PDB file of N, CA and C in Angstrom:
ATOM      1  N   UNK A   1     121.652 100.085  58.321  1.00  0.00           N
ATOM      2  CA  UNK A   1     120.563 100.846  58.930  1.00  0.00           C
ATOM      3  C   UNK A   1     119.960 100.045  60.078  1.00  0.00           C
ATOM      4  N   UNK A   2     119.760 100.716  61.185  1.00  0.00           N
ATOM      5  CA  UNK A   2     119.156 100.081  62.337  1.00  0.00           C
ATOM      6  C   UNK A   2     117.729 100.610  62.462  1.00  0.00           C
ATOM      7  N   UNK A   3     116.795  99.650  62.619  1.00  0.00           N
ATOM      8  CA  UNK A   3     115.389 100.018  62.762  1.00  0.00           C
ATOM      9  C   UNK A   3     114.915  99.565  64.121  1.00  0.00           C
ATOM     10  N   UNK A   4     114.324 100.497  64.873  1.00  0.00           N
ATOM     11  CA  UNK A   4     113.794 100.166  66.186  1.00  0.00           C
ATOM     12  C   UNK A   4     112.258  99.990  66.065  1.00  0.00           C
ATOM     13  N   UNK A   5     111.805  98.902  66.639  1.00  0.00           N
ATOM     14  CA  UNK A   5     110.362  98.622  66.611  1.00  0.00           C
ATOM     15  C   UNK A   5     109.836  98.716  68.032  1.00  0.00           C
ATOM     16  N   UNK A   6     108.914  99.583  68.254  1.00  0.00           N
ATOM     17  CA  UNK A   6     108.311  99.735  69.590  1.00  0.00           C
ATOM     18  C   UNK A   6     107.071  98.893  69.667  1.00  0.00           C
ATOM     19  N   UNK A   7     107.064  97.958  70.592  1.00  0.00           N
ATOM     20  CA  UNK A   7     105.937  97.047  70.710  1.00  0.00           C
ATOM     21  C   UNK A   7     104.844  97.787  71.509  1.00  0.00           C
ATOM     22  N   UNK A   8     103.662  97.793  70.939  1.00  0.00           N
ATOM     23  CA  UNK A   8     102.536  98.496  71.546  1.00  0.00           C
ATOM     24  C   UNK A   8     101.375  97.558  71.819  1.00  0.00           C
ATOM     25  N   UNK A   9     101.485  96.251  71.521  1.00  0.00           N
ATOM     26  CA  UNK A   9     100.388  95.305  71.673  1.00  0.00           C
ATOM     27  C   UNK A   9     100.759  94.146  72.550  1.00  0.00           C
ATOM     28  N   UNK A  10      99.781  93.650  73.279  1.00  0.00           N
ATOM     29  CA  UNK A  10      99.938  92.414  74.051  1.00  0.00           C
ATOM     30  C   UNK A  10      98.820  91.466  73.693  1.00  0.00           C
ATOM     31  N   UNK A  11      99.120  90.187  73.796  1.00  0.00           N
ATOM     32  CA  UNK A  11      98.086  89.178  73.596  1.00  0.00           C
ATOM     33  C   UNK A  11      97.688  88.659  74.964  1.00  0.00           C
ATOM     34  N   UNK A  12      96.389  88.716  75.243  1.00  0.00           N
ATOM     35  CA  UNK A  12      95.832  88.260  76.477  1.00  0.00           C
ATOM     36  C   UNK A  12      95.151  86.936  76.180  1.00  0.00           C
ATOM     37  N   UNK A  13      95.604  85.875  76.786  1.00  0.00           N
ATOM     38  CA  UNK A  13      95.082  84.557  76.478  1.00  0.00           C
ATOM     39  C   UNK A  13      94.248  83.934  77.585  1.00  0.00           C
ATOM     40  N   UNK A  14      93.586  82.864  77.243  1.00  0.00           N
ATOM     41  CA  UNK A  14      92.800  82.084  78.171  1.00  0.00           C
ATOM     42  C   UNK A  14      91.658  82.887  78.794  1.00  0.00           C
ATOM     43  N   UNK A  15      91.001  83.736  77.979  1.00  0.00           N
ATOM     44  CA  UNK A  15      89.877  84.547  78.464  1.00  0.00           C
ATOM     45  C   UNK A  15      88.641  83.689  78.623  1.00  0.00           C
ATOM     46  N   UNK A  16      87.833  84.043  79.613  1.00  0.00           N
ATOM     47  CA  UNK A  16      86.543  83.343  79.782  1.00  0.00           C
ATOM     48  C   UNK A  16      85.628  83.762  78.641  1.00  0.00           C
ATOM     49  N   UNK A  17      84.667  82.933  78.331  1.00  0.00           N
ATOM     50  CA  UNK A  17      83.799  83.180  77.185  1.00  0.00           C
ATOM     51  C   UNK A  17      82.921  84.444  77.329  1.00  0.00           C
ATOM     52  N   UNK A  18      82.687  84.881  78.531  1.00  0.00           N
ATOM     53  CA  UNK A  18      81.858  86.055  78.756  1.00  0.00           C
ATOM     54  C   UNK A  18      82.602  87.374  78.750  1.00  0.00           C
ATOM     55  N   UNK A  19      83.891  87.348  78.494  1.00  0.00           N
ATOM     56  CA  UNK A  19      84.678  88.560  78.508  1.00  0.00           C
ATOM     57  C   UNK A  19      84.315  89.502  77.333  1.00  0.00           C
ATOM     58  N   UNK A  20      84.089  90.757  77.675  1.00  0.00           N
ATOM     59  CA  UNK A  20      83.717  91.723  76.649  1.00  0.00           C
ATOM     60  C   UNK A  20      84.862  92.718  76.397  1.00  0.00           C
ATOM     61  N   UNK A  21      84.731  93.444  75.318  1.00  0.00           N
ATOM     62  CA  UNK A  21      85.691  94.504  75.018  1.00  0.00           C
ATOM     63  C   UNK A  21      85.734  95.518  76.162  1.00  0.00           C
ATOM     64  N   UNK A  22      84.574  95.803  76.706  1.00  0.00           N
ATOM     65  CA  UNK A  22      84.497  96.769  77.830  1.00  0.00           C
ATOM     66  C   UNK A  22      85.286  96.249  79.019  1.00  0.00           C
ATOM     67  N   UNK A  23      85.129  94.971  79.366  1.00  0.00           N
ATOM     68  CA  UNK A  23      85.909  94.351  80.489  1.00  0.00           C
ATOM     69  C   UNK A  23      87.415  94.571  80.272  1.00  0.00           C
ATOM     70  N   UNK A  24      87.859  94.244  79.070  1.00  0.00           N
ATOM     71  CA  UNK A  24      89.277  94.316  78.793  1.00  0.00           C
ATOM     72  C   UNK A  24      89.770  95.752  78.826  1.00  0.00           C
ATOM     73  N   UNK A  25      89.045  96.652  78.213  1.00  0.00           N
ATOM     74  CA  UNK A  25      89.436  98.073  78.189  1.00  0.00           C
ATOM     75  C   UNK A  25      89.484  98.638  79.579  1.00  0.00           C
ATOM     76  N   UNK A  26      88.489  98.321  80.393  1.00  0.00           N
ATOM     77  CA  UNK A  26      88.441  98.824  81.761  1.00  0.00           C
ATOM     78  C   UNK A  26      89.643  98.315  82.563  1.00  0.00           C
ATOM     79  N   UNK A  27      89.931  97.015  82.436  1.00  0.00           N
ATOM     80  CA  UNK A  27      91.013  96.409  83.179  1.00  0.00           C
ATOM     81  C   UNK A  27      92.377  96.994  82.797  1.00  0.00           C
ATOM     82  N   UNK A  28      92.634  97.105  81.489  1.00  0.00           N
ATOM     83  CA  UNK A  28      93.948  97.573  81.008  1.00  0.00           C
ATOM     84  C   UNK A  28      94.075  99.085  80.894  1.00  0.00           C
ATOM     85  N   UNK A  29      93.017  99.825  81.160  1.00  0.00           N
ATOM     86  CA  UNK A  29      93.100 101.279  81.114  1.00  0.00           C
ATOM     87  C   UNK A  29      94.074 101.815  82.170  1.00  0.00           C
ATOM     88  N   UNK A  30      94.337 101.065  83.193  1.00  0.00           N
ATOM     89  CA  UNK A  30      95.292 101.488  84.217  1.00  0.00           C
ATOM     90  C   UNK A  30      96.724 101.461  83.682  1.00  0.00           C
ATOM     91  N   UNK A  31      96.933 100.781  82.583  1.00  0.00           N
ATOM     92  CA  UNK A  31      98.286 100.645  82.004  1.00  0.00           C
ATOM     93  C   UNK A  31      98.626 101.817  81.088  1.00  0.00           C
ATOM     94  N   UNK A  32      97.604 102.449  80.582  1.00  0.00           N
ATOM     95  CA  UNK A  32      97.787 103.547  79.618  1.00  0.00           C
ATOM     96  C   UNK A  32      96.579 103.582  78.694  1.00  0.00           C
ATOM     97  N   UNK A  33      96.612 104.502  77.753  1.00  0.00           N
ATOM     98  CA  UNK A  33      95.484 104.665  76.833  1.00  0.00           C
ATOM     99  C   UNK A  33      95.402 103.484  75.863  1.00  0.00           C
ATOM    100  N   UNK A  34      94.281 102.804  75.869  1.00  0.00           N
ATOM    101  CA  UNK A  34      94.077 101.663  74.968  1.00  0.00           C
ATOM    102  C   UNK A  34      93.627 102.188  73.628  1.00  0.00           C
ATOM    103  N   UNK A  35      94.354 101.840  72.594  1.00  0.00           N
ATOM    104  CA  UNK A  35      94.046 102.308  71.257  1.00  0.00           C
ATOM    105  C   UNK A  35      93.033 101.391  70.561  1.00  0.00           C
ATOM    106  N   UNK A  36      93.191 100.078  70.732  1.00  0.00           N
ATOM    107  CA  UNK A  36      92.267  99.125  70.124  1.00  0.00           C
ATOM    108  C   UNK A  36      92.314  97.799  70.823  1.00  0.00           C
ATOM    109  N   UNK A  37      91.232  97.039  70.652  1.00  0.00           N
ATOM    110  CA  UNK A  37      91.111  95.699  71.211  1.00  0.00           C
ATOM    111  C   UNK A  37      90.545  94.779  70.105  1.00  0.00           C
ATOM    112  N   UNK A  38      91.235  93.686  69.876  1.00  0.00           N
ATOM    113  CA  UNK A  38      90.817  92.735  68.867  1.00  0.00           C
ATOM    114  C   UNK A  38      90.586  91.377  69.546  1.00  0.00           C
ATOM    115  N   UNK A  39      89.320  91.083  69.821  1.00  0.00           N
ATOM    116  CA  UNK A  39      88.978  89.824  70.494  1.00  0.00           C
ATOM    117  C   UNK A  39      88.937  88.683  69.486  1.00  0.00           C
ATOM    118  N   UNK A  40      89.614  87.580  69.841  1.00  0.00           N
ATOM    119  CA  UNK A  40      89.615  86.358  69.033  1.00  0.00           C
ATOM    120  C   UNK A  40      88.827  85.299  69.773  1.00  0.00           C
ATOM    121  N   UNK A  41      87.476  85.263  69.622  1.00  0.00           N
ATOM    122  CA  UNK A  41      86.641  84.390  70.421  1.00  0.00           C
ATOM    123  C   UNK A  41      86.954  82.901  70.252  1.00  0.00           C
ATOM    124  N   UNK A  42      87.349  82.473  69.061  1.00  0.00           N
ATOM    125  CA  UNK A  42      87.646  81.065  68.858  1.00  0.00           C
ATOM    126  C   UNK A  42      88.918  80.650  69.577  1.00  0.00           C
ATOM    127  N   UNK A  43      89.784  81.602  69.868  1.00  0.00           N
ATOM    128  CA  UNK A  43      91.046  81.320  70.539  1.00  0.00           C
ATOM    129  C   UNK A  43      91.009  81.691  72.018  1.00  0.00           C
ATOM    130  N   UNK A  44      89.885  82.251  72.469  1.00  0.00           N
ATOM    131  CA  UNK A  44      89.751  82.747  73.846  1.00  0.00           C
ATOM    132  C   UNK A  44      90.859  83.702  74.179  1.00  0.00           C
ATOM    133  N   UNK A  45      91.154  84.617  73.273  1.00  0.00           N
ATOM    134  CA  UNK A  45      92.228  85.579  73.486  1.00  0.00           C
ATOM    135  C   UNK A  45      91.843  86.920  72.877  1.00  0.00           C
ATOM    136  N   UNK A  46      92.689  87.916  73.153  1.00  0.00           N
ATOM    137  CA  UNK A  46      92.495  89.247  72.581  1.00  0.00           C
ATOM    138  C   UNK A  46      93.836  89.927  72.464  1.00  0.00           C
ATOM    139  N   UNK A  47      93.926  90.813  71.475  1.00  0.00           N
ATOM    140  CA  UNK A  47      95.098  91.640  71.291  1.00  0.00           C
ATOM    141  C   UNK A  47      94.728  93.047  71.776  1.00  0.00           C
ATOM    142  N   UNK A  48      95.491  93.569  72.683  1.00  0.00           N
ATOM    143  CA  UNK A  48      95.257  94.902  73.225  1.00  0.00           C
ATOM    144  C   UNK A  48      96.433  95.806  72.706  1.00  0.00           C
ATOM    145  N   UNK A  49      96.059  96.866  72.029  1.00  0.00           N
ATOM    146  CA  UNK A  49      97.093  97.771  71.509  1.00  0.00           C
ATOM    147  C   UNK A  49      96.969  99.086  72.279  1.00  0.00           C
ATOM    148  N   UNK A  50      98.120  99.548  72.786  1.00  0.00           N
ATOM    149  CA  UNK A  50      98.204 100.775  73.535  1.00  0.00           C
ATOM    150  C   UNK A  50      98.736 101.920  72.690  1.00  0.00           C
ATOM    151  N   UNK A  51      98.371 103.131  73.018  1.00  0.00           N
ATOM    152  CA  UNK A  51      98.875 104.275  72.319  1.00  0.00           C
ATOM    153  C   UNK A  51     100.356 104.472  72.572  1.00  0.00           C
ATOM    154  N   UNK A  52     100.817 104.101  73.771  1.00  0.00           N
ATOM    155  CA  UNK A  52     102.217 104.276  74.190  1.00  0.00           C
ATOM    156  C   UNK A  52     102.827 102.932  74.478  1.00  0.00           C
ATOM    157  N   UNK A  53     104.037 102.640  74.008  1.00  0.00           N
ATOM    158  CA  UNK A  53     104.655 101.339  74.269  1.00  0.00           C
ATOM    159  C   UNK A  53     104.855 101.023  75.750  1.00  0.00           C
ATOM    160  N   UNK A  54     104.908 102.027  76.582  1.00  0.00           N
ATOM    161  CA  UNK A  54     105.084 101.780  78.014  1.00  0.00           C
ATOM    162  C   UNK A  54     103.855 101.065  78.617  1.00  0.00           C
ATOM    163  N   UNK A  55     102.721 101.195  77.990  1.00  0.00           N
ATOM    164  CA  UNK A  55     101.497 100.484  78.421  1.00  0.00           C
ATOM    165  C   UNK A  55     101.710  98.981  78.381  1.00  0.00           C
ATOM    166  N   UNK A  56     102.498  98.495  77.434  1.00  0.00           N
ATOM    167  CA  UNK A  56     102.738  97.038  77.326  1.00  0.00           C
ATOM    168  C   UNK A  56     103.479  96.536  78.559  1.00  0.00           C
ATOM    169  N   UNK A  57     104.520  97.289  78.999  1.00  0.00           N
ATOM    170  CA  UNK A  57     105.264  96.846  80.172  1.00  0.00           C
ATOM    171  C   UNK A  57     104.370  96.763  81.414  1.00  0.00           C
ATOM    172  N   UNK A  58     103.521  97.751  81.588  1.00  0.00           N
ATOM    173  CA  UNK A  58     102.607  97.747  82.742  1.00  0.00           C
ATOM    174  C   UNK A  58     101.568  96.651  82.585  1.00  0.00           C
ATOM    175  N   UNK A  59     101.074  96.396  81.389  1.00  0.00           N
ATOM    176  CA  UNK A  59     100.091  95.362  81.164  1.00  0.00           C
ATOM    177  C   UNK A  59     100.580  93.996  81.507  1.00  0.00           C
ATOM    178  N   UNK A  60     101.840  93.715  81.185  1.00  0.00           N
ATOM    179  CA  UNK A  60     102.413  92.406  81.489  1.00  0.00           C
ATOM    180  C   UNK A  60     102.413  92.182  82.996  1.00  0.00           C
ATOM    181  N   UNK A  61     102.747  93.178  83.747  1.00  0.00           N
ATOM    182  CA  UNK A  61     102.751  93.074  85.239  1.00  0.00           C
ATOM    183  C   UNK A  61     101.317  92.974  85.770  1.00  0.00           C
ATOM    184  N   UNK A  62     100.433  93.748  85.221  1.00  0.00           N
ATOM    185  CA  UNK A  62      99.062  93.788  85.721  1.00  0.00           C
ATOM    186  C   UNK A  62      98.268  92.528  85.373  1.00  0.00           C
ATOM    187  N   UNK A  63      98.585  91.913  84.276  1.00  0.00           N
ATOM    188  CA  UNK A  63      97.795  90.760  83.816  1.00  0.00           C
ATOM    189  C   UNK A  63      97.856  89.572  84.754  1.00  0.00           C
ATOM    190  N   UNK A  64      98.836  89.549  85.667  1.00  0.00           N
ATOM    191  CA  UNK A  64      98.877  88.495  86.673  1.00  0.00           C
ATOM    192  C   UNK A  64      97.619  88.481  87.516  1.00  0.00           C
ATOM    193  N   UNK A  65      97.026  89.619  87.753  1.00  0.00           N
ATOM    194  CA  UNK A  65      95.804  89.725  88.541  1.00  0.00           C
ATOM    195  C   UNK A  65      94.537  89.824  87.720  1.00  0.00           C
ATOM    196  N   UNK A  66      94.572  89.414  86.494  1.00  0.00           N
ATOM    197  CA  UNK A  66      93.441  89.532  85.588  1.00  0.00           C
ATOM    198  C   UNK A  66      92.258  88.728  86.086  1.00  0.00           C
ATOM    199  N   UNK A  67      91.149  89.426  86.413  1.00  0.00           N
ATOM    200  CA  UNK A  67      89.993  88.777  87.015  1.00  0.00           C
ATOM    201  C   UNK A  67      89.167  87.974  86.031  1.00  0.00           C
ATOM    202  N   UNK A  68      89.228  88.265  84.736  1.00  0.00           N
ATOM    203  CA  UNK A  68      88.411  87.518  83.781  1.00  0.00           C
ATOM    204  C   UNK A  68      89.237  86.532  82.983  1.00  0.00           C
ATOM    205  N   UNK A  69      90.549  86.413  83.306  1.00  0.00           N
ATOM    206  CA  UNK A  69      91.375  85.408  82.679  1.00  0.00           C
ATOM    207  C   UNK A  69      91.285  84.137  83.470  1.00  0.00           C
ATOM    208  N   UNK A  70      91.168  83.014  82.796  1.00  0.00           N
ATOM    209  CA  UNK A  70      91.072  81.751  83.500  1.00  0.00           C
ATOM    210  C   UNK A  70      92.495  81.245  83.720  1.00  0.00           C
ATOM    211  N   UNK A  71      92.703  80.558  84.830  1.00  0.00           N
ATOM    212  CA  UNK A  71      94.043  80.014  85.087  1.00  0.00           C
ATOM    213  C   UNK A  71      94.403  78.955  84.021  1.00  0.00           C
ATOM    214  N   UNK A  72      95.638  78.905  83.656  1.00  0.00           N
ATOM    215  CA  UNK A  72      96.108  77.931  82.675  1.00  0.00           C
ATOM    216  C   UNK A  72      96.495  76.646  83.417  1.00  0.00           C
ATOM    217  N   UNK A  73      95.965  75.549  82.981  1.00  0.00           N
ATOM    218  CA  UNK A  73      96.291  74.274  83.619  1.00  0.00           C
ATOM    219  C   UNK A  73      97.446  73.637  82.863  1.00  0.00           C
ATOM    220  N   UNK A  74      98.397  73.085  83.611  1.00  0.00           N
ATOM    221  CA  UNK A  74      99.547  72.394  83.056  1.00  0.00           C
ATOM    222  C   UNK A  74      99.375  70.917  83.211  1.00  0.00           C
ATOM    223  N   UNK A  75      99.606  70.157  82.158  1.00  0.00           N
ATOM    224  CA  UNK A  75      99.487  68.689  82.238  1.00  0.00           C
ATOM    225  C   UNK A  75     100.846  68.066  82.250  1.00  0.00           C
TER     226      UNK A  75
END
């Protein structure tokens, strides 16, 4: 038996401390209908779940310009 899993969630990391659910929903609404947002404040991240799996593909491309995401520093 083959089982296909459609990915509908993305993890957005390195969020600034002032980022709200409203900020995230507004930003990612261009990708498709956002079903839920689960903010992980201790990890400075959030899980964004879309109603349609195609929203994930668009979100990955759009997140490059994320205005409330902090740049990741490499050591």
